[in-house]
Protein backbone atom coordinates (compact mmCIF):
# COMPACT_ATOMS: atom_id res chain seq x y z
CA MET A 1 116.90 114.98 121.53
CA ASN A 2 113.91 117.20 122.16
CA SER A 3 114.03 116.83 125.96
CA THR A 4 116.19 115.41 128.70
CA GLU A 5 113.21 114.04 130.63
CA THR A 6 111.49 110.83 129.64
CA GLN A 7 107.81 110.86 128.72
CA PRO A 8 105.18 108.26 127.85
CA VAL A 9 105.63 106.98 124.31
CA PRO A 10 102.77 107.42 121.80
CA PRO A 11 100.11 104.66 121.98
CA GLU A 12 101.04 103.30 118.53
CA ILE A 13 104.64 102.80 119.58
CA LYS A 14 103.63 101.00 122.77
CA LEU A 15 101.29 98.75 120.77
CA GLY A 16 104.12 98.01 118.36
CA LEU A 17 106.47 97.08 121.17
CA ILE A 18 103.79 94.80 122.60
CA GLY A 19 103.37 93.19 119.17
CA ILE A 20 107.11 92.64 118.90
CA GLY A 21 107.15 91.12 122.36
CA LEU A 22 109.48 93.60 124.03
CA VAL A 23 106.90 94.82 126.60
CA ASP A 24 103.48 93.83 127.90
CA ASP A 25 100.40 95.99 128.32
CA SER A 26 100.92 96.51 132.06
CA VAL A 27 104.25 98.30 131.61
CA ASP A 28 104.52 102.09 131.65
CA VAL A 29 106.66 102.60 128.56
CA ARG A 30 108.66 105.82 128.57
CA GLY A 31 111.36 107.31 126.43
CA LEU A 32 112.81 110.34 124.68
CA PRO A 33 111.79 111.58 121.23
CA LEU A 34 114.83 112.05 119.01
CA SER A 35 115.23 114.93 116.60
CA GLY A 36 116.95 115.17 113.25
CA GLY A 37 114.84 113.03 110.92
CA VAL A 38 112.09 114.15 108.56
CA SER A 39 110.57 110.80 107.62
CA SER A 40 109.82 109.03 110.92
CA ASP A 41 108.97 109.43 114.57
CA ILE A 42 112.10 108.16 116.33
CA TRP A 43 112.36 107.43 120.04
CA ARG A 44 114.87 106.15 122.51
CA VAL A 45 112.69 103.85 124.61
CA ASP A 46 113.89 102.76 128.03
CA LEU A 47 113.09 99.10 128.71
CA ALA A 48 113.96 97.02 131.74
CA THR A 49 116.73 95.42 129.68
CA GLY A 50 118.13 98.76 128.54
CA PRO A 51 117.40 101.39 125.88
CA VAL A 52 116.26 100.59 122.35
CA CYS A 53 115.68 102.76 119.29
CA VAL A 54 112.13 102.74 117.92
CA LYS A 55 110.96 104.11 114.56
CA ARG A 56 107.55 104.63 113.00
CA ALA A 57 107.30 106.03 109.47
CA LEU A 58 105.31 109.20 108.73
CA GLU A 59 102.99 109.46 105.73
CA GLN A 60 103.68 113.21 105.34
CA LEU A 61 107.35 113.93 105.82
CA ARG A 62 108.41 116.87 107.98
CA VAL A 63 109.20 119.33 105.20
CA GLU A 64 107.51 122.55 104.11
CA SER A 65 106.20 121.14 100.84
CA THR A 66 103.78 118.26 100.40
CA TRP A 67 105.80 115.06 100.47
CA LEU A 68 103.82 111.87 100.91
CA ALA A 69 105.35 108.40 101.03
CA PRO A 70 104.00 104.89 101.70
CA THR A 71 104.42 104.00 105.37
CA ALA A 72 105.06 100.37 104.41
CA ARG A 73 108.64 101.47 103.77
CA THR A 74 109.50 100.54 107.36
CA ALA A 75 109.18 96.88 106.37
CA ASN A 76 111.74 97.49 103.62
CA GLU A 77 114.11 99.04 106.11
CA ALA A 78 113.79 96.02 108.39
CA ALA A 79 114.43 93.71 105.43
CA TRP A 80 117.54 95.64 104.37
CA LEU A 81 119.01 95.70 107.88
CA ARG A 82 118.36 91.99 108.35
CA ALA A 83 119.86 91.12 104.97
CA VAL A 84 122.99 93.16 105.64
CA ALA A 85 123.37 91.48 109.02
CA GLN A 86 123.71 88.23 107.07
CA VAL A 87 126.00 89.35 104.24
CA ALA A 88 128.13 91.95 106.07
CA PRO A 89 127.80 91.47 109.85
CA GLY A 90 128.43 94.53 111.97
CA THR A 91 127.92 97.10 109.21
CA ALA A 92 124.25 97.88 109.90
CA CYS A 93 122.08 98.50 112.93
CA ARG A 94 120.63 95.27 114.39
CA VAL A 95 116.87 94.69 114.19
CA LEU A 96 115.17 93.65 117.43
CA GLY A 97 111.74 93.28 115.88
CA PHE A 98 109.16 94.70 113.48
CA ASP A 99 105.40 94.89 114.02
CA SER A 100 103.56 95.02 110.69
CA LYS A 101 100.25 96.19 112.19
CA THR A 102 101.63 99.39 113.70
CA ARG A 103 104.67 99.65 111.40
CA VAL A 104 106.91 99.98 114.45
CA LEU A 105 110.54 98.98 114.05
CA ALA A 106 112.70 98.31 117.12
CA LEU A 107 116.47 98.54 116.74
CA GLU A 108 119.46 98.13 118.98
CA TRP A 109 120.48 101.33 120.74
CA LEU A 110 123.88 102.50 119.56
CA ASP A 111 125.35 104.57 122.38
CA PRO A 112 126.34 108.03 121.05
CA SER A 113 129.44 107.93 123.26
CA LEU A 114 130.67 104.97 121.18
CA PHE A 115 129.05 105.66 117.81
CA ARG A 116 129.70 109.14 116.41
CA ASN A 117 127.51 110.55 113.67
CA TRP A 118 129.59 111.13 110.54
CA LYS A 119 127.63 114.25 109.61
CA ALA A 120 128.34 115.71 113.05
CA ASP A 121 132.05 114.98 112.58
CA LEU A 122 132.10 116.70 109.19
CA SER A 123 130.05 119.65 110.43
CA SER A 124 132.48 120.21 113.30
CA GLY A 125 135.45 120.24 110.93
CA TYR A 126 136.73 116.74 111.66
CA VAL A 127 137.32 115.32 108.16
CA ASP A 128 139.22 112.03 107.94
CA PRO A 129 139.54 110.54 104.43
CA MET A 130 140.24 107.14 106.01
CA ILE A 131 136.66 107.08 107.27
CA ALA A 132 135.49 107.71 103.70
CA THR A 133 137.66 104.81 102.55
CA LYS A 134 136.00 102.48 105.05
CA VAL A 135 132.53 103.69 104.06
CA GLY A 136 133.33 103.02 100.40
CA GLN A 137 134.69 99.56 101.15
CA GLN A 138 131.69 98.54 103.23
CA LEU A 139 129.13 99.96 100.83
CA GLY A 140 130.83 98.21 97.92
CA ASP A 141 130.93 94.92 99.82
CA ILE A 142 127.22 95.21 100.65
CA HIS A 143 126.28 96.00 97.05
CA ALA A 144 128.40 93.11 95.76
CA ALA A 145 126.80 90.68 98.20
CA MET A 146 123.27 91.84 97.34
CA ALA A 147 123.49 91.91 93.54
CA ASP A 148 121.88 88.47 93.10
CA PRO A 149 118.38 88.95 91.61
CA THR A 150 117.30 85.43 92.55
CA LYS A 151 117.74 86.29 96.24
CA PHE A 152 116.93 89.97 96.47
CA ALA A 153 114.95 91.35 93.50
CA GLU A 154 111.54 90.22 94.74
CA VAL A 155 112.24 91.03 98.39
CA PHE A 156 113.14 94.62 97.52
CA ASP A 157 110.60 95.21 94.76
CA ALA A 158 109.63 98.68 96.00
CA ASP A 159 109.46 100.95 92.99
CA ASP A 160 106.54 102.92 94.44
CA MET A 161 108.48 103.79 97.59
CA PHE A 162 111.66 104.73 95.74
CA ARG A 163 109.64 106.92 93.40
CA ALA A 164 107.87 108.67 96.29
CA LEU A 165 111.01 109.15 98.36
CA ARG A 166 113.62 109.83 95.68
CA ILE A 167 112.39 110.25 92.09
CA GLU A 168 109.54 112.70 92.78
CA PRO A 169 111.24 114.96 95.37
CA TYR A 170 114.74 114.92 93.92
CA PHE A 171 114.24 114.68 90.17
CA GLU A 172 110.70 115.73 89.30
CA THR A 173 110.47 118.63 91.77
CA THR A 174 113.86 119.91 90.62
CA ALA A 175 112.88 119.58 86.96
CA HIS A 176 109.77 121.66 87.66
CA ALA A 177 111.91 124.34 89.31
CA HIS A 178 114.31 124.41 86.35
CA PRO A 179 112.35 124.05 83.09
CA ASP A 180 115.49 124.67 81.03
CA LEU A 181 117.04 121.52 82.53
CA ALA A 182 113.87 119.47 82.81
CA ASP A 183 114.51 117.13 79.87
CA THR A 184 117.99 116.22 81.11
CA ILE A 185 116.84 115.73 84.70
CA LEU A 186 113.86 113.59 83.74
CA ASP A 187 116.02 111.49 81.42
CA LEU A 188 118.29 110.78 84.40
CA ALA A 189 115.25 109.87 86.48
CA ASN A 190 114.09 107.41 83.82
CA ARG A 191 117.55 105.88 83.57
CA THR A 192 117.79 105.52 87.34
CA THR A 193 114.49 103.65 87.55
CA SER A 194 115.28 101.46 84.55
CA VAL A 195 118.63 100.15 85.84
CA ARG A 196 117.72 97.24 88.10
CA ILE A 197 120.82 95.30 89.04
CA GLY A 198 121.20 95.50 92.82
CA VAL A 199 119.82 96.49 96.19
CA VAL A 200 119.94 100.22 96.81
CA HIS A 201 119.92 101.67 100.34
CA GLY A 202 118.67 104.97 98.95
CA ASP A 203 119.85 107.32 101.72
CA ILE A 204 123.60 106.87 102.02
CA SER A 205 124.39 110.24 103.53
CA PRO A 206 126.73 111.11 106.42
CA LYS A 207 123.78 111.60 108.78
CA ASN A 208 122.91 107.93 108.32
CA ILE A 209 126.41 106.62 108.97
CA LEU A 210 127.69 106.12 112.49
CA ILE A 211 131.40 105.71 113.15
CA GLY A 212 131.77 102.96 115.73
CA PRO A 213 134.65 101.11 117.38
CA GLU A 214 134.72 98.53 114.55
CA GLY A 215 134.07 100.95 111.70
CA PRO A 216 131.09 102.58 109.95
CA VAL A 217 127.54 101.40 110.67
CA PHE A 218 124.68 102.18 108.26
CA VAL A 219 121.22 103.13 109.52
CA ASP A 220 117.92 104.47 108.10
CA ALA A 221 117.25 102.22 105.11
CA GLU A 222 113.63 103.29 104.46
CA CYS A 223 114.34 103.86 100.76
CA ALA A 224 115.75 100.38 100.15
CA SER A 225 114.75 98.93 96.79
CA TRP A 226 115.96 96.85 93.87
CA GLY A 227 117.54 99.32 91.46
CA ASP A 228 120.76 101.08 90.50
CA PRO A 229 123.61 100.88 93.06
CA ALA A 230 125.17 103.95 91.41
CA PHE A 231 122.52 106.03 93.15
CA ASP A 232 123.97 105.24 96.59
CA LEU A 233 127.52 106.23 95.69
CA ALA A 234 126.35 109.41 93.93
CA PHE A 235 124.10 110.31 96.86
CA CYS A 236 126.97 110.09 99.35
CA ILE A 237 129.48 111.91 97.15
CA ASN A 238 126.94 114.69 96.67
CA HIS A 239 126.71 115.27 100.42
CA LEU A 240 130.49 115.52 100.72
CA LEU A 241 130.55 117.90 97.76
CA LEU A 242 127.89 120.15 99.31
CA LYS A 243 129.74 120.22 102.61
CA SER A 244 132.89 121.32 100.80
CA GLN A 245 130.97 124.41 99.69
CA TRP A 246 129.64 125.00 103.20
CA HIS A 247 132.94 124.56 105.05
CA GLN A 248 135.45 125.75 102.51
CA ARG A 249 138.24 125.58 105.07
CA ASP A 250 137.83 121.79 104.90
CA SER A 251 137.33 121.59 101.13
CA ALA A 252 140.70 119.95 100.40
CA ASP A 253 140.11 117.16 102.93
CA LEU A 254 136.54 116.74 101.71
CA ARG A 255 137.76 116.40 98.12
CA ARG A 256 140.25 113.79 99.30
CA SER A 257 137.39 112.04 101.08
CA ILE A 258 135.36 111.98 97.88
CA SER A 259 138.26 110.37 96.01
CA ALA A 260 138.87 107.91 98.84
CA LEU A 261 135.20 106.93 99.01
CA SER A 262 134.91 106.50 95.25
CA ASP A 263 138.16 104.58 94.80
CA ALA A 264 137.42 102.18 97.65
CA TYR A 265 133.91 101.53 96.39
CA LEU A 266 134.81 101.07 92.73
CA ALA A 267 137.48 98.52 93.68
CA ARG A 268 134.64 96.35 95.04
CA VAL A 269 132.41 96.51 91.94
CA ASN A 270 132.15 93.01 90.47
CA TRP A 271 128.54 92.88 89.26
CA GLU A 272 129.16 95.13 86.21
CA GLN A 273 131.96 97.10 84.60
CA ALA A 274 133.12 99.67 87.16
CA SER A 275 133.52 102.27 84.41
CA GLU A 276 129.84 101.99 83.48
CA LEU A 277 128.73 102.49 87.07
CA GLU A 278 131.18 105.38 87.47
CA PHE A 279 129.65 107.11 84.44
CA ARG A 280 126.17 106.88 85.95
CA VAL A 281 127.48 108.24 89.25
CA ALA A 282 129.16 111.21 87.57
CA THR A 283 126.05 112.14 85.61
CA LEU A 284 123.78 111.87 88.66
CA ILE A 285 125.75 114.16 90.96
CA PRO A 286 124.87 117.54 89.34
CA THR A 287 121.14 116.81 89.53
CA LEU A 288 121.39 115.56 93.11
CA ALA A 289 123.32 118.70 94.08
CA LEU A 290 120.71 120.94 92.49
CA ALA A 291 117.95 118.94 94.16
CA ARG A 292 119.35 119.71 97.60
CA ILE A 293 118.95 123.40 96.83
CA ASN A 294 115.73 123.54 94.79
CA GLY A 295 114.14 120.17 95.49
CA ALA A 296 111.64 119.08 98.12
CA SER A 297 114.29 118.67 100.84
CA PRO A 298 116.98 121.37 100.62
CA VAL A 299 120.00 120.99 102.88
CA GLU A 300 119.67 123.25 105.89
CA TYR A 301 123.22 124.58 105.78
CA LEU A 302 123.15 126.06 102.25
CA CYS A 303 119.56 127.28 101.99
């Protein structure tokens, strides 16, 4: 949080909450801006019925380089969260409403005293491979339930957003920084965009996973699109791998967590041969690791 004192929310957020039907124009809407994200303004808004989480996507992400992305991605996030609520109840943050005019998304407030951030756990040295197992199981179950193109391909047809948020900053920027590897990196980018067999969350990292009383809960699905599920598993493994280099005292437990995550996930793969998906994961990880050092969004703890 940026402050411990509430303040009036931005006008666009109030208008969005009015559009959703959570407040009316006469109400003085106040809240706390939340820190930690680069892609959205995020607030805890205090309503008469209790706090809610409110997001509004930014066109220019909060990074040093130019990184533009379509703000319509908030609608994709709402769609992903709503779909997961149907296919895997309790594994994603609940949507309270979405206002298309202001692109404001209202979500249930998950009390930090009950829902720990997995990245915070790992950063503090608390590494439990059983949590990784549960994350892998739930992610695999979600991917399996959302691999039906007749139900989900059109809903999550968002190639432009995935390109802006993942292909350009992670693959193309990194290829530009490493000309000797450019052909390999760009080939991986082309493969990733050509495999279209399931719904991808697009940002499965520990910072977007809360550990609640009933297990992991996924948040922040702005990158959701119809594509290659291998990207999600590779993305998460990469973060655990990078943290093993940052906190080498925890490297053994982090390696065990990587194995636990991967094994639990692969046991759920039923939409293709698990070995084929595993190959794509393994070949993505080196590029994703390099991207978090020389891409558009380097990890703060290694750079």
